[in-house]
Amino acid sequence: MDSNTKSRIENIIGSSPILVFMKGTKLMPQCGFSNNVVQILNALGISFETFDVLSDMEIREGIKEYSNWPTIPQVFVKGEFIGGSDILIEMYNSGELKEKLDIALAS
């Protein structure tokens, strides 16, 4: 990945405490996995921002390399990559996600 794309990704991640790279937007997810993440974060009452990877192919491919994770959506909390849809579902079901988000947002 070129340095410009990496810099853009870092700026996007830094723009919000909770950032989701996804297909579509939080108001109109364009895939079921992205919708799962939006529904989980909404259920927790968490404020978050999204970036629509369908609008930018460089970011869509670059984020996979940046996080070393092959699929989208990708969730970042305070700049840290947390995971995708399956991981968020597991963390939500165990209660770990709410705890992690509460701690991250309190600091």
C-alpha atoms as a PDB file:
ATOM      1  CA  MET A   1       0.000   0.000   0.000  1.00  0.00           C
ATOM      2  CA  ASP A   2       1.324   3.434  -0.833  1.00  0.00           C
ATOM      3  CA  SER A   3       1.993   6.002   1.885  1.00  0.00           C
ATOM      4  CA  ASN A   4      -0.868   8.252   0.724  1.00  0.00           C
ATOM      5  CA  THR A   5      -3.444   5.471   1.156  1.00  0.00           C
ATOM      6  CA  LYS A   6      -1.965   4.523   4.543  1.00  0.00           C
ATOM      7  CA  SER A   7      -2.110   8.147   5.665  1.00  0.00           C
ATOM      8  CA  ARG A   8      -5.723   8.469   4.513  1.00  0.00           C
ATOM      9  CA  ILE A   9      -6.678   5.288   6.410  1.00  0.00           C
ATOM     10  CA  GLU A  10      -4.978   6.551   9.584  1.00  0.00           C
ATOM     11  CA  ASN A  11      -6.817   9.885   9.284  1.00  0.00           C
ATOM     12  CA  ILE A  12     -10.158   8.113   8.834  1.00  0.00           C
ATOM     13  CA  ILE A  13      -9.513   5.851  11.839  1.00  0.00           C
ATOM     14  CA  GLY A  14      -8.487   8.855  13.928  1.00  0.00           C
ATOM     15  CA  SER A  15     -11.604  10.818  13.025  1.00  0.00           C
ATOM     16  CA  SER A  16     -13.848   8.998  15.524  1.00  0.00           C
ATOM     17  CA  PRO A  17     -13.389   6.963  18.727  1.00  0.00           C
ATOM     18  CA  ILE A  18     -15.377   4.161  17.082  1.00  0.00           C
ATOM     19  CA  LEU A  19     -15.015   3.797  13.328  1.00  0.00           C
ATOM     20  CA  VAL A  20     -16.475   1.072  11.125  1.00  0.00           C
ATOM     21  CA  PHE A  21     -15.198   0.421   7.615  1.00  0.00           C
ATOM     22  CA  MET A  22     -18.233  -1.119   5.959  1.00  0.00           C
ATOM     23  CA  LYS A  23     -20.209  -1.569   2.780  1.00  0.00           C
ATOM     24  CA  GLY A  24     -22.750   1.243   2.806  1.00  0.00           C
ATOM     25  CA  THR A  25     -23.461   3.576   5.710  1.00  0.00           C
ATOM     26  CA  LYS A  26     -24.896   3.110   9.177  1.00  0.00           C
ATOM     27  CA  LEU A  27     -28.212   4.415   7.852  1.00  0.00           C
ATOM     28  CA  MET A  28     -28.114   2.148   4.807  1.00  0.00           C
ATOM     29  CA  PRO A  29     -25.842  -0.890   5.155  1.00  0.00           C
ATOM     30  CA  GLN A  30     -25.185  -2.632   1.832  1.00  0.00           C
ATOM     31  CA  CYS A  31     -24.428  -6.124   3.168  1.00  0.00           C
ATOM     32  CA  GLY A  32     -25.660  -8.350   5.951  1.00  0.00           C
ATOM     33  CA  PHE A  33     -22.348  -8.444   7.812  1.00  0.00           C
ATOM     34  CA  SER A  34     -22.124  -4.651   7.856  1.00  0.00           C
ATOM     35  CA  ASN A  35     -25.740  -4.525   9.026  1.00  0.00           C
ATOM     36  CA  ASN A  36     -24.912  -6.929  11.893  1.00  0.00           C
ATOM     37  CA  VAL A  37     -22.202  -4.573  13.171  1.00  0.00           C
ATOM     38  CA  VAL A  38     -24.484  -1.525  12.909  1.00  0.00           C
ATOM     39  CA  GLN A  39     -27.277  -3.341  14.789  1.00  0.00           C
ATOM     40  CA  ILE A  40     -24.899  -4.440  17.572  1.00  0.00           C
ATOM     41  CA  LEU A  41     -23.475  -0.946  18.094  1.00  0.00           C
ATOM     42  CA  ASN A  42     -26.963   0.588  17.960  1.00  0.00           C
ATOM     43  CA  ALA A  43     -28.224  -1.976  20.504  1.00  0.00           C
ATOM     44  CA  LEU A  44     -25.437  -0.887  22.869  1.00  0.00           C
ATOM     45  CA  GLY A  45     -26.369   2.774  22.348  1.00  0.00           C
ATOM     46  CA  ILE A  46     -22.858   3.531  21.158  1.00  0.00           C
ATOM     47  CA  SER A  47     -22.099   6.559  19.001  1.00  0.00           C
ATOM     48  CA  PHE A  48     -19.958   5.599  16.013  1.00  0.00           C
ATOM     49  CA  GLU A  49     -18.987   6.717  12.527  1.00  0.00           C
ATOM     50  CA  THR A  50     -18.688   4.718   9.343  1.00  0.00           C
ATOM     51  CA  PHE A  51     -16.698   4.817   6.131  1.00  0.00           C
ATOM     52  CA  ASP A  52     -18.315   3.351   3.010  1.00  0.00           C
ATOM     53  CA  VAL A  53     -15.628   1.255   1.317  1.00  0.00           C
ATOM     54  CA  LEU A  54     -17.821   0.964  -1.787  1.00  0.00           C
ATOM     55  CA  SER A  55     -17.131   4.661  -2.410  1.00  0.00           C
ATOM     56  CA  ASP A  56     -13.329   4.285  -2.521  1.00  0.00           C
ATOM     57  CA  MET A  57     -11.528   1.246  -3.951  1.00  0.00           C
ATOM     58  CA  GLU A  58      -8.102   2.322  -2.620  1.00  0.00           C
ATOM     59  CA  ILE A  59      -9.427   2.403   0.929  1.00  0.00           C
ATOM     60  CA  ARG A  60     -11.443  -0.795   0.381  1.00  0.00           C
ATOM     61  CA  GLU A  61      -8.315  -2.752  -0.546  1.00  0.00           C
ATOM     62  CA  GLY A  62      -5.914  -0.780   1.648  1.00  0.00           C
ATOM     63  CA  ILE A  63      -7.810  -1.358   4.895  1.00  0.00           C
ATOM     64  CA  LYS A  64      -7.477  -5.123   4.437  1.00  0.00           C
ATOM     65  CA  GLU A  65      -3.709  -4.771   4.214  1.00  0.00           C
ATOM     66  CA  TYR A  66      -3.563  -2.162   6.993  1.00  0.00           C
ATOM     67  CA  SER A  67      -5.344  -4.381   9.523  1.00  0.00           C
ATOM     68  CA  ASN A  68      -4.110  -7.690   8.093  1.00  0.00           C
ATOM     69  CA  TRP A  69      -7.765  -8.785   8.000  1.00  0.00           C
ATOM     70  CA  PRO A  70      -9.274 -10.018   4.713  1.00  0.00           C
ATOM     71  CA  THR A  71     -12.923  -9.049   5.130  1.00  0.00           C
ATOM     72  CA  ILE A  72     -15.179  -6.048   5.643  1.00  0.00           C
ATOM     73  CA  PRO A  73     -16.670  -4.732   7.914  1.00  0.00           C
ATOM     74  CA  GLN A  74     -13.805  -3.790  10.185  1.00  0.00           C
ATOM     75  CA  VAL A  75     -14.289  -2.088  13.539  1.00  0.00           C
ATOM     76  CA  PHE A  76     -11.706   0.188  15.152  1.00  0.00           C
ATOM     77  CA  VAL A  77     -11.968   1.462  18.735  1.00  0.00           C
ATOM     78  CA  LYS A  78      -9.638   4.318  19.673  1.00  0.00           C
ATOM     79  CA  GLY A  79      -7.436   3.372  16.721  1.00  0.00           C
ATOM     80  CA  GLU A  80      -7.241  -0.331  17.659  1.00  0.00           C
ATOM     81  CA  PHE A  81      -8.584  -2.944  15.251  1.00  0.00           C
ATOM     82  CA  ILE A  82     -11.188  -5.026  17.104  1.00  0.00           C
ATOM     83  CA  GLY A  83     -12.482  -7.326  14.372  1.00  0.00           C
ATOM     84  CA  GLY A  84     -15.273  -7.941  11.929  1.00  0.00           C
ATOM     85  CA  SER A  85     -18.868  -9.082  12.146  1.00  0.00           C
ATOM     86  CA  ASP A  86     -18.289 -12.569  13.624  1.00  0.00           C
ATOM     87  CA  ILE A  87     -15.911 -11.303  16.296  1.00  0.00           C
ATOM     88  CA  LEU A  88     -18.277  -8.484  17.272  1.00  0.00           C
ATOM     89  CA  ILE A  89     -21.183 -10.948  17.543  1.00  0.00           C
ATOM     90  CA  GLU A  90     -19.107 -13.180  19.859  1.00  0.00           C
ATOM     91  CA  MET A  91     -17.941 -10.227  21.956  1.00  0.00           C
ATOM     92  CA  TYR A  92     -21.489  -8.847  22.153  1.00  0.00           C
ATOM     93  CA  ASN A  93     -22.952 -12.193  23.246  1.00  0.00           C
ATOM     94  CA  SER A  94     -20.314 -12.646  25.952  1.00  0.00           C
ATOM     95  CA  GLY A  95     -20.649  -9.075  27.258  1.00  0.00           C
ATOM     96  CA  GLU A  96     -17.012  -8.390  26.427  1.00  0.00           C
ATOM     97  CA  LEU A  97     -17.841  -5.800  23.750  1.00  0.00           C
ATOM     98  CA  LYS A  98     -19.867  -3.526  26.037  1.00  0.00           C
ATOM     99  CA  GLU A  99     -17.145  -3.714  28.670  1.00  0.00           C
ATOM    100  CA  LYS A 100     -14.391  -2.923  26.144  1.00  0.00           C
ATOM    101  CA  LEU A 101     -16.332  -0.012  24.646  1.00  0.00           C
ATOM    102  CA  ASP A 102     -17.244   1.427  28.051  1.00  0.00           C
ATOM    103  CA  ILE A 103     -13.573   1.369  29.107  1.00  0.00           C
ATOM    104  CA  ALA A 104     -12.345   2.822  25.812  1.00  0.00           C
ATOM    105  CA  LEU A 105     -14.899   5.628  25.769  1.00  0.00           C
ATOM    106  CA  ALA A 106     -14.326   6.513  29.423  1.00  0.00           C
ATOM    107  CA  SER A 107     -10.605   7.109  28.932  1.00  0.00           C
END
